[in-house]
């Protein structure tokens, strides 16, 4: 489990995809910036991804996200990520139980329980 990495900054390195046995990843309240690398799709054992408060994470979910079929919880609140949910996200539906999406400087929140 990787969580509470509050002191890190910069882009998320593509090498994160090498952590294929990782179960939980919490990158909230960090100074990480840029887009999620497509290599994040290699985290096929990941059950929880939380990006709450990672204010400088931007862009959209990479299509490789659909390979993360063990994912049960996905939260990205108060980020600069676009609220466009990729069609491939539907492939996660059998296992995804909680999806929470909010955008920084937006009053809207989308919470979908599956």
C-alpha atoms as a PDB file:
ATOM      1  CA  UNK A   1       0.000   0.000   0.000  1.00  0.00           C
ATOM      2  CA  UNK A   2       1.239   3.467  -0.882  1.00  0.00           C
ATOM      3  CA  UNK A   3      -0.551   6.306   0.832  1.00  0.00           C
ATOM      4  CA  UNK A   4      -0.078   9.677   2.470  1.00  0.00           C
ATOM      5  CA  UNK A   5       2.879  10.599   0.280  1.00  0.00           C
ATOM      6  CA  UNK A   6       2.346  14.281   1.012  1.00  0.00           C
ATOM      7  CA  UNK A   7       5.916  15.438   0.395  1.00  0.00           C
ATOM      8  CA  UNK A   8       6.228  14.317  -3.209  1.00  0.00           C
ATOM      9  CA  UNK A   9       5.916  16.661  -6.181  1.00  0.00           C
ATOM     10  CA  UNK A  10       6.185  16.671  -9.955  1.00  0.00           C
ATOM     11  CA  UNK A  11       4.665  14.342 -12.532  1.00  0.00           C
ATOM     12  CA  UNK A  12       3.685  10.782 -11.681  1.00  0.00           C
ATOM     13  CA  UNK A  13       6.461   8.685 -13.247  1.00  0.00           C
ATOM     14  CA  UNK A  14       5.447   5.994 -15.743  1.00  0.00           C
ATOM     15  CA  UNK A  15       7.439   3.523 -13.635  1.00  0.00           C
ATOM     16  CA  UNK A  16       4.439   3.451 -11.297  1.00  0.00           C
ATOM     17  CA  UNK A  17       3.139   0.782 -13.669  1.00  0.00           C
ATOM     18  CA  UNK A  18       5.876  -1.559 -12.419  1.00  0.00           C
ATOM     19  CA  UNK A  19       4.080  -1.884  -9.055  1.00  0.00           C
ATOM     20  CA  UNK A  20       1.769  -4.558 -10.452  1.00  0.00           C
ATOM     21  CA  UNK A  21       1.006  -6.146  -7.050  1.00  0.00           C
ATOM     22  CA  UNK A  22      -0.025  -2.865  -5.434  1.00  0.00           C
ATOM     23  CA  UNK A  23      -3.495  -3.020  -3.835  1.00  0.00           C
ATOM     24  CA  UNK A  24      -4.136   0.533  -2.574  1.00  0.00           C
ATOM     25  CA  UNK A  25      -2.785   3.816  -3.910  1.00  0.00           C
ATOM     26  CA  UNK A  26      -3.601   7.143  -2.293  1.00  0.00           C
ATOM     27  CA  UNK A  27      -1.994  10.179  -3.878  1.00  0.00           C
ATOM     28  CA  UNK A  28      -4.255  12.827  -2.364  1.00  0.00           C
ATOM     29  CA  UNK A  29      -3.033  16.105  -0.914  1.00  0.00           C
ATOM     30  CA  UNK A  30       0.254  15.898  -2.810  1.00  0.00           C
ATOM     31  CA  UNK A  31       2.031  18.303  -5.108  1.00  0.00           C
ATOM     32  CA  UNK A  32       1.953  15.856  -7.982  1.00  0.00           C
ATOM     33  CA  UNK A  33       1.170  17.444 -11.333  1.00  0.00           C
ATOM     34  CA  UNK A  34       0.326  16.561 -14.906  1.00  0.00           C
ATOM     35  CA  UNK A  35      -1.698  13.684 -16.250  1.00  0.00           C
ATOM     36  CA  UNK A  36      -1.991  10.131 -15.006  1.00  0.00           C
ATOM     37  CA  UNK A  37       0.467   8.062 -17.064  1.00  0.00           C
ATOM     38  CA  UNK A  38      -0.970   5.332 -19.267  1.00  0.00           C
ATOM     39  CA  UNK A  39       1.250   2.862 -17.365  1.00  0.00           C
ATOM     40  CA  UNK A  40      -1.188   3.156 -14.452  1.00  0.00           C
ATOM     41  CA  UNK A  41      -3.238   0.580 -16.360  1.00  0.00           C
ATOM     42  CA  UNK A  42      -0.587  -2.000 -15.420  1.00  0.00           C
ATOM     43  CA  UNK A  43      -1.758  -1.846 -11.790  1.00  0.00           C
ATOM     44  CA  UNK A  44      -4.149  -4.728 -12.365  1.00  0.00           C
ATOM     45  CA  UNK A  45      -4.188  -5.759  -8.681  1.00  0.00           C
ATOM     46  CA  UNK A  46      -5.181  -2.278  -7.516  1.00  0.00           C
ATOM     47  CA  UNK A  47      -8.456  -2.239  -5.565  1.00  0.00           C
ATOM     48  CA  UNK A  48      -8.454   1.411  -4.449  1.00  0.00           C
ATOM     49  CA  UNK A  49      -7.213   4.585  -6.141  1.00  0.00           C
ATOM     50  CA  UNK A  50      -7.713   7.855  -4.276  1.00  0.00           C
ATOM     51  CA  UNK A  51      -6.580  11.184  -5.706  1.00  0.00           C
ATOM     52  CA  UNK A  52      -8.561  13.489  -3.395  1.00  0.00           C
ATOM     53  CA  UNK A  53      -6.913  16.889  -3.145  1.00  0.00           C
ATOM     54  CA  UNK A  54      -4.168  16.196  -5.687  1.00  0.00           C
ATOM     55  CA  UNK A  55      -4.955  19.657  -7.023  1.00  0.00           C
ATOM     56  CA  UNK A  56      -2.501  19.685  -9.922  1.00  0.00           C
ATOM     57  CA  UNK A  57      -3.397  16.332 -11.457  1.00  0.00           C
ATOM     58  CA  UNK A  58      -5.035  17.197 -14.769  1.00  0.00           C
ATOM     59  CA  UNK A  59      -6.260  15.738 -18.038  1.00  0.00           C
ATOM     60  CA  UNK A  60      -8.489  12.709 -18.427  1.00  0.00           C
ATOM     61  CA  UNK A  61      -8.295   9.086 -17.375  1.00  0.00           C
ATOM     62  CA  UNK A  62      -6.076   7.151 -19.792  1.00  0.00           C
ATOM     63  CA  UNK A  63      -7.905   4.462 -21.764  1.00  0.00           C
ATOM     64  CA  UNK A  64      -5.531   1.882 -20.250  1.00  0.00           C
ATOM     65  CA  UNK A  65      -7.463   2.477 -17.044  1.00  0.00           C
ATOM     66  CA  UNK A  66      -9.880  -0.203 -18.257  1.00  0.00           C
ATOM     67  CA  UNK A  67      -7.223  -2.866 -17.560  1.00  0.00           C
ATOM     68  CA  UNK A  68      -7.583  -2.209 -13.805  1.00  0.00           C
ATOM     69  CA  UNK A  69     -10.415  -4.697 -13.413  1.00  0.00           C
ATOM     70  CA  UNK A  70      -9.767  -5.305  -9.686  1.00  0.00           C
ATOM     71  CA  UNK A  71     -10.556  -1.663  -8.888  1.00  0.00           C
ATOM     72  CA  UNK A  72     -13.388  -1.328  -6.357  1.00  0.00           C
ATOM     73  CA  UNK A  73     -12.983   2.314  -5.271  1.00  0.00           C
ATOM     74  CA  UNK A  74     -12.075   5.252  -7.485  1.00  0.00           C
ATOM     75  CA  UNK A  75     -12.071   8.780  -6.073  1.00  0.00           C
ATOM     76  CA  UNK A  76     -10.695  11.926  -7.587  1.00  0.00           C
ATOM     77  CA  UNK A  77     -11.995  15.012  -5.847  1.00  0.00           C
ATOM     78  CA  UNK A  78     -10.663  18.560  -6.056  1.00  0.00           C
ATOM     79  CA  UNK A  79      -8.345  17.865  -8.978  1.00  0.00           C
ATOM     80  CA  UNK A  80      -8.060  19.563 -12.366  1.00  0.00           C
ATOM     81  CA  UNK A  81      -9.043  16.336 -14.116  1.00  0.00           C
ATOM     82  CA  UNK A  82     -11.764  16.699 -16.694  1.00  0.00           C
ATOM     83  CA  UNK A  83     -15.030  15.172 -15.628  1.00  0.00           C
ATOM     84  CA  UNK A  84     -15.235  13.262 -18.867  1.00  0.00           C
ATOM     85  CA  UNK A  85     -15.473   9.602 -17.952  1.00  0.00           C
ATOM     86  CA  UNK A  86     -13.977   7.374 -20.612  1.00  0.00           C
ATOM     87  CA  UNK A  87     -16.231   4.692 -22.126  1.00  0.00           C
ATOM     88  CA  UNK A  88     -13.747   2.028 -21.018  1.00  0.00           C
ATOM     89  CA  UNK A  89     -14.648   2.819 -17.420  1.00  0.00           C
ATOM     90  CA  UNK A  90     -17.734   0.681 -17.980  1.00  0.00           C
ATOM     91  CA  UNK A  91     -15.472  -2.378 -18.137  1.00  0.00           C
ATOM     92  CA  UNK A  92     -14.777  -1.836 -14.432  1.00  0.00           C
ATOM     93  CA  UNK A  93     -18.474  -1.993 -13.553  1.00  0.00           C
ATOM     94  CA  UNK A  94     -18.553  -5.594 -12.253  1.00  0.00           C
ATOM     95  CA  UNK A  95     -16.097  -4.762  -9.460  1.00  0.00           C
ATOM     96  CA  UNK A  96     -16.364  -0.987  -9.059  1.00  0.00           C
ATOM     97  CA  UNK A  97     -18.441  -0.194  -5.972  1.00  0.00           C
ATOM     98  CA  UNK A  98     -17.708   3.477  -5.464  1.00  0.00           C
ATOM     99  CA  UNK A  99     -16.914   6.228  -7.955  1.00  0.00           C
ATOM    100  CA  UNK A 100     -16.610   9.802  -6.671  1.00  0.00           C
ATOM    101  CA  UNK A 101     -15.652  12.601  -9.055  1.00  0.00           C
ATOM    102  CA  UNK A 102     -15.446  16.326  -8.359  1.00  0.00           C
ATOM    103  CA  UNK A 103     -13.537  19.032 -10.119  1.00  0.00           C
ATOM    104  CA  UNK A 104     -11.567  21.783  -8.417  1.00  0.00           C
ATOM    105  CA  UNK A 105     -13.435  25.090  -8.382  1.00  0.00           C
ATOM    106  CA  UNK A 106     -16.679  23.318  -9.228  1.00  0.00           C
ATOM    107  CA  UNK A 107     -19.707  23.076  -7.009  1.00  0.00           C
ATOM    108  CA  UNK A 108     -20.913  19.859  -8.589  1.00  0.00           C
ATOM    109  CA  UNK A 109     -20.128  16.434  -7.223  1.00  0.00           C
ATOM    110  CA  UNK A 110     -20.908  13.165  -8.910  1.00  0.00           C
ATOM    111  CA  UNK A 111     -21.126  10.108  -6.737  1.00  0.00           C
ATOM    112  CA  UNK A 112     -22.106   6.851  -8.302  1.00  0.00           C
ATOM    113  CA  UNK A 113     -22.608   3.728  -6.232  1.00  0.00           C
ATOM    114  CA  UNK A 114     -22.483   0.514  -8.222  1.00  0.00           C
END
